[in-house]
Amino acid sequence: MRLALLGGVALLATACAPPATPAERPTCAESVPYTAGTEGYSGFRIPAVVATRSGALLAFAEGRVGGLGDAGNIDLVLRRSTDGGCTWGPLTVVADSGANTSGNPAPVVTASGRVVLLSTYNGGTATEATIMRGEVPADQSRRVFVQSSDDEGTTWSAPREITASAKAENWRWYATGPVHGVRLARGPHRDRLVIPANHSIAPPAGSADTGVEAKYYGGHTLYSDDGGQTWRIGAVDDNPNGYLNVNETTVAELPDGRLYLNTREHNGTGPGTRADAYSRDGGATLEAPYRPQATLAGPVVQGSVLQLAGPGAALLFAGPADPAARAALTLRVSTDQGATWRPALALSGLPAGYSDLVQLGHTSIGVLYETGDWGTYERIAFRRIAIQDIR
């Protein structure tokens, strides 16, 4: 199913306990919703996944035309599963901006069951580098959109632009997610939607820098208190001292109500390749700036976190564990709310890249991740894991 085009941009006219669903009963272990070279796409990247209120799984990705690069003709696509990820329905194009780029899916499910999806757009000839250097006009630079589904991902509203409220004037590069967001389950901000995002800032006036230097990366949150109708910028960390360069970020609501944010540290001088921070006010601000998280060893890459439901439940992280390459997807576990991490379950020794986590009922989780036999981006696979096997 392909959506219509509108104005050159897209077009289609948890912190909470997981839903009780048949997803708990399937015996299949792994499936492949996306395979490179199919459906008219050169490949698929940038996975994100959520479970709807009934338990259907929505696996989002970028469908890339003409190559696997981050620029050019890229659609935001979706496959649905109603059997816990064993099989997947037909591919749907949720956002198609012609020869331009629509991607970076960041889905979240509201209290009413509506699925809200944030994404970003840019002109097809723009690249991350040209945007960071400020060489791209605003209408072709990174713009932020929201759309929603009231039938669990079967149909979608037309994308609506929210750039004015979601992007600061001195930000150049911008990306939502790419990962699921959270709906807060407790506290004064109950039912707030929080989406992790990242950006780059312009160099100060008079600087010889162009803006493409990694120290200008930063992270932020977006939040909505009206079910995704309006959005505000929340916590921001973009200190360009070069120690920690906050980038693609993932978020979980801890049992004590705080938010835990974990980010890809992009080539800073600090130790390791991950950093983390906490928020006590529903993502509006950070308790303290991001600090290194050296117990999460791995390459420079996106990762995902998931707070399991239930008393005393663990916090999970999924990401490649090979420190020198995007490979060896591994689940790590924290029992001290993200302060320290340890390996819990090696999922594969193969190449592996971006990932997202979802809870499937009370007994299992799912991991949607980039992988392949001879390359990282040959397919996007979905793996079911029994919680009792995560030790």
Protein backbone atom coordinates (compact mmCIF):
# COMPACT_ATOMS: atom_id res chain seq x y z
CA MET A 1 0.00 0.00 0.00
CA ARG A 2 1.51 3.33 -1.02
CA LEU A 3 0.34 6.69 0.23
CA ALA A 4 -0.39 9.69 -1.90
CA LEU A 5 1.93 12.67 -2.03
CA LEU A 6 0.95 15.97 -0.47
CA GLY A 7 3.02 19.10 -0.92
CA GLY A 8 6.10 17.02 -1.65
CA VAL A 9 6.09 15.52 1.80
CA ALA A 10 4.41 12.47 3.18
CA LEU A 11 1.12 11.21 2.62
CA LEU A 12 -1.46 8.93 3.85
CA ALA A 13 -4.96 10.11 3.79
CA THR A 14 6.03 2.28 28.02
CA ALA A 15 6.33 2.31 30.75
CA CYS A 16 2.93 0.78 31.08
CA ALA A 17 2.19 -2.88 31.67
CA PRO A 18 2.21 -4.73 28.33
CA PRO A 19 -1.07 -5.79 26.73
CA ALA A 20 -2.42 -9.27 27.26
CA THR A 21 -2.10 -10.75 23.81
CA PRO A 22 -1.69 -13.91 21.75
CA ALA A 23 1.87 -12.66 21.25
CA GLU A 24 2.73 -14.55 24.43
CA ARG A 25 1.80 -17.92 22.92
CA PRO A 26 3.67 -18.29 19.59
CA THR A 27 6.52 -20.75 19.49
CA CYS A 28 8.43 -19.16 16.59
CA ALA A 29 11.81 -17.74 17.56
CA GLU A 30 12.79 -15.50 14.65
CA SER A 31 11.31 -13.93 11.53
CA VAL A 32 12.46 -11.49 8.86
CA PRO A 33 10.07 -8.62 8.09
CA TYR A 34 12.50 -6.83 5.76
CA THR A 35 15.00 -8.20 3.23
CA ALA A 36 17.28 -6.03 1.09
CA GLY A 37 16.50 -5.98 -2.62
CA THR A 38 12.77 -6.64 -2.24
CA GLU A 39 9.59 -4.55 -2.55
CA GLY A 40 11.31 -2.14 -4.93
CA TYR A 41 13.91 -1.05 -2.36
CA SER A 42 17.67 -1.50 -2.40
CA GLY A 43 17.54 -2.12 1.32
CA PHE A 44 15.92 -1.37 4.65
CA ARG A 45 17.42 0.34 7.66
CA ILE A 46 16.57 2.13 10.93
CA PRO A 47 14.07 -0.19 12.69
CA ALA A 48 11.58 0.83 15.36
CA VAL A 49 8.83 -1.28 16.92
CA VAL A 50 5.83 -0.91 19.22
CA ALA A 51 3.04 -3.19 20.42
CA THR A 52 -0.50 -1.87 20.10
CA ARG A 53 -3.10 -2.17 22.82
CA SER A 54 -4.40 -5.45 21.35
CA GLY A 55 -0.88 -6.83 20.97
CA ALA A 56 -0.31 -6.27 17.25
CA LEU A 57 3.32 -5.46 16.45
CA LEU A 58 4.22 -2.52 14.21
CA ALA A 59 7.71 -2.82 12.70
CA PHE A 60 8.81 0.44 11.10
CA ALA A 61 11.86 0.97 8.90
CA GLU A 62 13.32 3.16 6.21
CA GLY A 63 12.93 1.78 2.69
CA ARG A 64 15.92 3.08 0.72
CA VAL A 65 15.80 3.44 -3.07
CA GLY A 66 18.95 3.39 -5.19
CA GLY A 67 21.37 2.34 -2.45
CA LEU A 68 21.80 2.07 1.30
CA GLY A 69 23.05 5.62 1.89
CA ASP A 70 21.45 7.97 4.41
CA ALA A 71 20.45 10.54 1.75
CA GLY A 72 18.22 10.46 -1.31
CA ASN A 73 14.92 8.72 -2.00
CA ILE A 74 13.90 7.15 1.32
CA ASP A 75 10.38 6.13 2.38
CA LEU A 76 9.11 5.34 5.85
CA VAL A 77 7.59 1.86 5.71
CA LEU A 78 5.70 -0.51 8.01
CA ARG A 79 4.82 -4.16 8.41
CA ARG A 80 2.25 -5.41 10.95
CA SER A 81 2.17 -8.73 12.79
CA THR A 82 -0.88 -10.09 14.59
CA ASP A 83 0.74 -13.33 15.75
CA GLY A 84 3.53 -12.04 17.95
CA GLY A 85 6.08 -11.50 15.20
CA CYS A 86 5.93 -14.97 13.63
CA THR A 87 4.56 -13.66 10.33
CA TRP A 88 4.19 -10.17 8.86
CA GLY A 89 1.54 -8.54 6.71
CA PRO A 90 2.17 -6.64 3.48
CA LEU A 91 4.50 -3.66 3.39
CA THR A 92 2.77 -0.29 3.78
CA VAL A 93 4.40 3.01 2.87
CA VAL A 94 3.52 5.37 5.71
CA ALA A 95 5.45 8.40 4.43
CA ASP A 96 6.61 8.93 0.84
CA SER A 97 8.06 12.30 -0.16
CA GLY A 98 8.97 11.37 -3.71
CA ALA A 99 12.69 11.62 -4.38
CA ASN A 100 13.24 13.12 -0.92
CA THR A 101 14.00 11.59 2.48
CA SER A 102 11.34 10.56 5.03
CA GLY A 103 12.57 8.51 7.96
CA ASN A 104 13.82 8.23 11.52
CA PRO A 105 10.65 6.58 12.86
CA ALA A 106 9.79 7.24 16.51
CA PRO A 107 6.45 5.58 17.40
CA VAL A 108 4.57 5.61 20.70
CA VAL A 109 1.13 4.35 21.81
CA THR A 110 -1.18 6.70 23.73
CA ALA A 111 -3.51 5.89 26.63
CA SER A 112 -6.42 5.67 24.19
CA GLY A 113 -4.59 3.18 21.97
CA ARG A 114 -3.80 5.67 19.22
CA VAL A 115 -0.41 5.08 17.62
CA VAL A 116 1.53 8.34 17.21
CA LEU A 117 4.51 8.44 14.86
CA LEU A 118 7.14 11.17 14.66
CA SER A 119 9.55 11.31 11.74
CA THR A 120 11.88 13.66 9.89
CA TYR A 121 12.14 14.90 6.30
CA ASN A 122 14.76 16.55 4.14
CA GLY A 123 15.30 17.21 0.45
CA GLY A 124 16.75 14.31 -1.48
CA THR A 125 19.95 16.10 -2.47
CA ALA A 126 20.76 17.22 1.09
CA THR A 127 23.19 15.22 3.20
CA GLU A 128 23.92 15.24 6.90
CA ALA A 129 27.19 17.07 6.22
CA THR A 130 25.67 19.81 4.06
CA ILE A 131 22.89 20.33 6.59
CA MET A 132 25.39 20.54 9.47
CA ARG A 133 27.39 23.12 7.50
CA GLY A 134 24.27 25.24 7.07
CA GLU A 135 24.32 24.96 3.28
CA VAL A 136 20.74 23.72 2.87
CA PRO A 137 17.70 26.06 2.76
CA ALA A 138 15.14 25.58 5.52
CA ASP A 139 12.50 23.98 3.30
CA GLN A 140 14.99 21.29 2.21
CA SER A 141 16.68 20.85 5.59
CA ARG A 142 15.53 18.62 8.44
CA ARG A 143 11.84 19.10 9.23
CA VAL A 144 9.74 17.27 11.83
CA PHE A 145 6.37 15.61 11.22
CA VAL A 146 3.72 13.75 13.23
CA GLN A 147 0.98 11.41 12.10
CA SER A 148 -1.29 8.92 13.83
CA SER A 149 -3.31 5.76 13.43
CA ASP A 150 -6.55 4.91 15.24
CA ASP A 151 -6.79 1.38 13.85
CA GLU A 152 -3.51 -0.05 15.15
CA GLY A 153 -1.41 0.86 12.15
CA THR A 154 -3.74 -0.22 9.35
CA THR A 155 -4.30 3.34 8.09
CA TRP A 156 -2.58 6.63 8.91
CA SER A 157 -3.36 10.31 8.97
CA ALA A 158 -1.50 12.64 6.65
CA PRO A 159 1.81 13.79 8.16
CA ARG A 160 1.51 17.19 9.85
CA GLU A 161 4.54 19.43 10.26
CA ILE A 162 5.60 20.40 13.81
CA THR A 163 9.06 21.81 13.06
CA ALA A 164 8.24 25.21 14.57
CA SER A 165 7.64 23.71 18.03
CA ALA A 166 10.10 20.81 17.82
CA LYS A 167 13.29 22.39 16.45
CA ALA A 168 15.23 25.35 17.86
CA GLU A 169 16.39 28.10 15.51
CA ASN A 170 20.11 27.38 15.92
CA TRP A 171 19.73 23.64 15.27
CA ARG A 172 20.82 22.30 11.90
CA TRP A 173 20.85 18.50 11.74
CA TYR A 174 17.87 16.84 13.40
CA ALA A 175 16.59 13.30 13.94
CA THR A 176 13.69 11.80 15.84
CA GLY A 177 14.51 8.50 17.57
CA PRO A 178 15.11 6.29 15.76
CA VAL A 179 13.49 4.10 18.40
CA HIS A 180 10.17 3.78 20.24
CA GLY A 181 9.09 6.53 22.62
CA VAL A 182 7.37 6.09 25.98
CA ARG A 183 4.03 6.95 27.55
CA LEU A 184 4.53 7.74 31.21
CA ALA A 185 2.65 5.40 33.54
CA ARG A 186 2.91 7.20 36.87
CA GLY A 187 3.45 10.50 38.62
CA PRO A 188 2.25 14.04 37.89
CA HIS A 189 2.93 13.64 34.16
CA ARG A 190 1.04 10.37 33.73
CA ASP A 191 0.18 9.67 30.06
CA ARG A 192 2.76 12.18 28.79
CA LEU A 193 4.40 11.04 25.55
CA VAL A 194 8.19 11.38 25.40
CA ILE A 195 10.26 10.96 22.24
CA PRO A 196 14.09 10.99 22.31
CA ALA A 197 15.71 12.99 19.51
CA ASN A 198 19.02 14.54 18.50
CA HIS A 199 20.31 17.57 16.64
CA SER A 200 23.38 19.61 15.82
CA ILE A 201 23.97 23.27 16.64
CA ALA A 202 25.54 26.02 14.60
CA PRO A 203 29.09 27.09 15.55
CA PRO A 204 29.39 30.39 17.44
CA ALA A 205 29.81 33.55 15.41
CA GLY A 206 33.41 34.11 14.38
CA SER A 207 34.39 30.44 14.72
CA ALA A 208 36.46 28.79 12.01
CA ASP A 209 34.39 25.63 12.48
CA THR A 210 31.86 24.70 9.80
CA GLY A 211 29.39 22.88 12.06
CA VAL A 212 30.21 19.41 10.74
CA GLU A 213 32.54 18.73 13.70
CA ALA A 214 31.19 15.99 15.99
CA LYS A 215 31.30 18.28 19.05
CA TYR A 216 28.26 20.15 17.70
CA TYR A 217 25.98 17.13 18.07
CA GLY A 218 23.46 17.27 20.89
CA GLY A 219 20.44 15.44 22.25
CA HIS A 220 16.99 16.49 23.38
CA THR A 221 13.54 15.17 24.18
CA LEU A 222 10.16 16.08 22.74
CA TYR A 223 7.06 15.69 24.88
CA SER A 224 3.30 15.95 24.47
CA ASP A 225 0.65 16.22 27.19
CA ASP A 226 -2.34 16.05 24.83
CA GLY A 227 -1.94 12.68 23.17
CA GLY A 228 0.41 13.85 20.44
CA GLN A 229 -1.52 16.87 19.18
CA THR A 230 1.08 19.42 20.27
CA TRP A 231 4.76 19.00 21.10
CA ARG A 232 7.37 20.88 23.09
CA ILE A 233 11.15 20.65 23.36
CA GLY A 234 12.12 19.23 26.74
CA ALA A 235 15.56 18.33 28.08
CA VAL A 236 18.49 19.55 25.96
CA ASP A 237 22.19 18.62 26.18
CA ASP A 238 24.40 20.12 23.50
CA ASN A 239 27.57 21.32 25.21
CA PRO A 240 30.18 21.60 22.40
CA ASN A 241 33.22 20.92 24.57
CA GLY A 242 33.89 17.68 22.68
CA TYR A 243 33.94 15.42 25.76
CA LEU A 244 30.56 13.76 25.16
CA ASN A 245 28.82 14.25 21.83
CA VAL A 246 25.22 13.21 22.50
CA ASN A 247 23.56 11.64 19.46
CA GLU A 248 20.88 8.97 18.89
CA THR A 249 19.11 8.44 22.20
CA THR A 250 16.71 5.92 23.74
CA VAL A 251 14.49 6.34 26.82
CA ALA A 252 12.73 4.23 29.46
CA GLU A 253 10.54 5.07 32.46
CA LEU A 254 12.03 3.55 35.62
CA PRO A 255 9.90 2.04 38.42
CA ASP A 256 10.56 5.12 40.59
CA GLY A 257 9.10 7.39 37.89
CA ARG A 258 12.37 8.85 36.64
CA LEU A 259 13.28 8.67 32.98
CA TYR A 260 16.50 6.93 32.01
CA LEU A 261 18.11 8.21 28.80
CA ASN A 262 20.95 6.36 27.10
CA THR A 263 22.74 7.81 24.08
CA ARG A 264 25.21 7.00 21.34
CA GLU A 265 28.34 8.96 22.24
CA HIS A 266 29.64 10.13 18.88
CA ASN A 267 33.45 10.32 18.83
CA GLY A 268 34.00 12.49 21.90
CA THR A 269 37.07 12.38 24.12
CA GLY A 270 35.27 10.74 27.05
CA PRO A 271 35.61 7.02 27.81
CA GLY A 272 33.52 4.49 25.91
CA THR A 273 30.84 4.90 23.29
CA ARG A 274 27.71 5.30 25.46
CA ALA A 275 26.51 7.96 27.87
CA ASP A 276 23.41 8.30 30.04
CA ALA A 277 21.32 10.76 32.04
CA TYR A 278 18.15 10.91 34.14
CA SER A 279 15.08 13.15 34.30
CA ARG A 280 12.83 13.61 37.34
CA ASP A 281 10.23 15.81 35.64
CA GLY A 282 8.98 13.65 32.80
CA GLY A 283 11.69 14.57 30.33
CA ALA A 284 11.39 18.35 30.61
CA THR A 285 14.91 18.69 32.07
CA LEU A 286 17.86 16.50 33.04
CA GLU A 287 19.02 15.93 36.62
CA ALA A 288 22.57 16.45 35.35
CA PRO A 289 24.26 16.49 31.93
CA TYR A 290 25.03 13.18 30.25
CA ARG A 291 27.91 11.22 31.76
CA PRO A 292 29.96 8.34 30.31
CA GLN A 293 28.49 4.84 30.68
CA ALA A 294 31.61 2.73 30.31
CA THR A 295 29.99 -0.55 31.39
CA LEU A 296 28.23 -0.67 28.00
CA ALA A 297 31.05 -1.62 25.64
CA GLY A 298 30.42 -1.57 21.92
CA PRO A 299 30.94 0.34 18.68
CA VAL A 300 29.60 3.80 17.88
CA VAL A 301 26.00 2.96 16.99
CA GLN A 302 22.38 3.45 17.99
CA GLY A 303 21.02 1.27 20.81
CA SER A 304 17.71 0.70 22.59
CA VAL A 305 16.51 0.33 26.17
CA LEU A 306 13.40 -1.26 27.65
CA GLN A 307 12.17 -1.28 31.24
CA LEU A 308 10.49 -4.62 31.87
CA ALA A 309 7.12 -4.50 33.58
CA GLY A 310 6.61 -5.81 37.09
CA PRO A 311 8.04 -5.36 40.60
CA GLY A 312 11.83 -5.51 40.66
CA ALA A 313 12.00 -5.97 36.91
CA ALA A 314 15.26 -5.31 35.12
CA LEU A 315 16.20 -2.61 32.65
CA LEU A 316 17.42 -3.97 29.29
CA PHE A 317 19.76 -2.60 26.63
CA ALA A 318 20.17 -4.03 23.12
CA GLY A 319 23.15 -3.23 20.91
CA PRO A 320 26.25 -4.69 19.26
CA ALA A 321 28.90 -5.79 21.77
CA ASP A 322 31.98 -5.99 19.53
CA PRO A 323 33.91 -2.83 20.47
CA ALA A 324 35.51 -2.57 17.02
CA ALA A 325 32.63 -3.42 14.68
CA ARG A 326 28.86 -3.42 14.34
CA ALA A 327 28.46 -7.07 15.26
CA ALA A 328 27.49 -9.47 18.05
CA LEU A 329 24.05 -8.15 19.06
CA THR A 330 23.79 -8.65 22.81
CA LEU A 331 21.25 -7.97 25.52
CA ARG A 332 22.69 -6.24 28.56
CA VAL A 333 20.84 -5.95 31.87
CA SER A 334 20.87 -3.44 34.70
CA THR A 335 19.43 -4.13 38.14
CA ASP A 336 20.39 -0.72 39.55
CA GLN A 337 18.31 1.47 37.21
CA GLY A 338 21.02 2.03 34.65
CA ALA A 339 23.95 2.83 36.93
CA THR A 340 25.84 -0.29 35.79
CA TRP A 341 25.32 -2.94 33.13
CA ARG A 342 26.37 -6.54 32.53
CA PRO A 343 25.99 -8.91 29.54
CA ALA A 344 22.91 -11.11 29.82
CA LEU A 345 22.34 -12.87 26.50
CA ALA A 346 24.32 -12.96 23.24
CA LEU A 347 21.76 -12.99 20.44
CA SER A 348 24.10 -13.48 17.49
CA GLY A 349 27.72 -13.51 16.41
CA LEU A 350 26.81 -12.00 13.04
CA PRO A 351 27.06 -8.39 11.89
CA ALA A 352 24.39 -6.25 13.60
CA GLY A 353 23.48 -2.58 13.67
CA TYR A 354 20.50 -0.56 14.86
CA SER A 355 17.82 -2.19 17.03
CA ASP A 356 14.65 -1.65 19.03
CA LEU A 357 13.05 -3.54 21.91
CA VAL A 358 9.41 -4.31 22.74
CA GLN A 359 7.74 -6.28 25.52
CA LEU A 360 5.43 -9.09 24.36
CA GLY A 361 3.00 -9.75 27.16
CA HIS A 362 4.42 -10.79 30.52
CA THR A 363 6.71 -13.64 29.46
CA SER A 364 8.77 -12.49 26.50
CA ILE A 365 10.30 -9.57 24.64
CA GLY A 366 11.07 -8.89 21.01
CA VAL A 367 14.12 -7.37 19.33
CA LEU A 368 13.89 -5.82 15.86
CA TYR A 369 17.40 -5.38 14.47
CA GLU A 370 19.61 -4.90 11.44
CA THR A 371 21.74 -7.91 10.58
CA GLY A 372 23.16 -10.12 7.83
CA ASP A 373 25.52 -12.97 7.12
CA TRP A 374 28.15 -11.00 5.20
CA GLY A 375 27.03 -7.45 5.93
CA THR A 376 25.15 -5.50 8.56
CA TYR A 377 22.25 -4.35 6.39
CA GLU A 378 21.13 -7.46 4.49
CA ARG A 379 17.90 -7.76 6.46
CA ILE A 380 15.94 -6.54 9.46
CA ALA A 381 15.11 -9.51 11.68
CA PHE A 382 12.73 -9.94 14.60
CA ARG A 383 13.77 -12.19 17.48
CA ARG A 384 11.53 -13.40 20.31
CA ILE A 385 13.20 -14.01 23.68
CA ALA A 386 11.74 -15.53 26.82
CA ILE A 387 12.29 -13.22 29.78
CA GLN A 388 13.32 -16.24 31.87
CA ASP A 389 16.30 -16.69 29.52
CA ILE A 390 17.64 -13.20 30.28
CA ARG A 391 19.93 -13.67 33.28
